[in-house]
Amino acid sequence: MATMIEENGPSSHEQPGMPLSYQARHKLEGLLNKNMKIRMTDGRTLVGLFLCTDRDCNVILGSAQEFLKSTDTFSQGEPRVLGLAMIPGHHVVSIEVEADSLEDTDGFGVNH
């Protein structure tokens, strides 16, 4: 069965009678400890394990590495190891979940 992740709008796999807040929480819980790439407004990219978020969309990454925006499209340069990092929600431009980390998850998106 294929894994579906929908960032915007309701999921086609919604359970009738289940509150949207529960569905959103369930989706976020499925992303815990997955590798994420977060692009920020200043051009930096942080890669690390998704540990938590809050109501203001601040994100905590563990084992985070920072990649600076490069003028040369072929070179990303050496990452800077940050460890534990907090990204303010208003600085987040995009969030990507690495496909490899999703494939490791049994039953992601399936209600048990």
Foldseek 3Di string as FASTA:
>chain_A
DDDDDDDDDDDPPDDPPDDPVVVVVLLVVLQAQFWKWWAWPQGKIKIAGFHDADPQRKTKGAQIWIFHHDPDPVDRDDTHTDGIDIHGRVGTDDMDTDPVRNVVDPQNPHDD
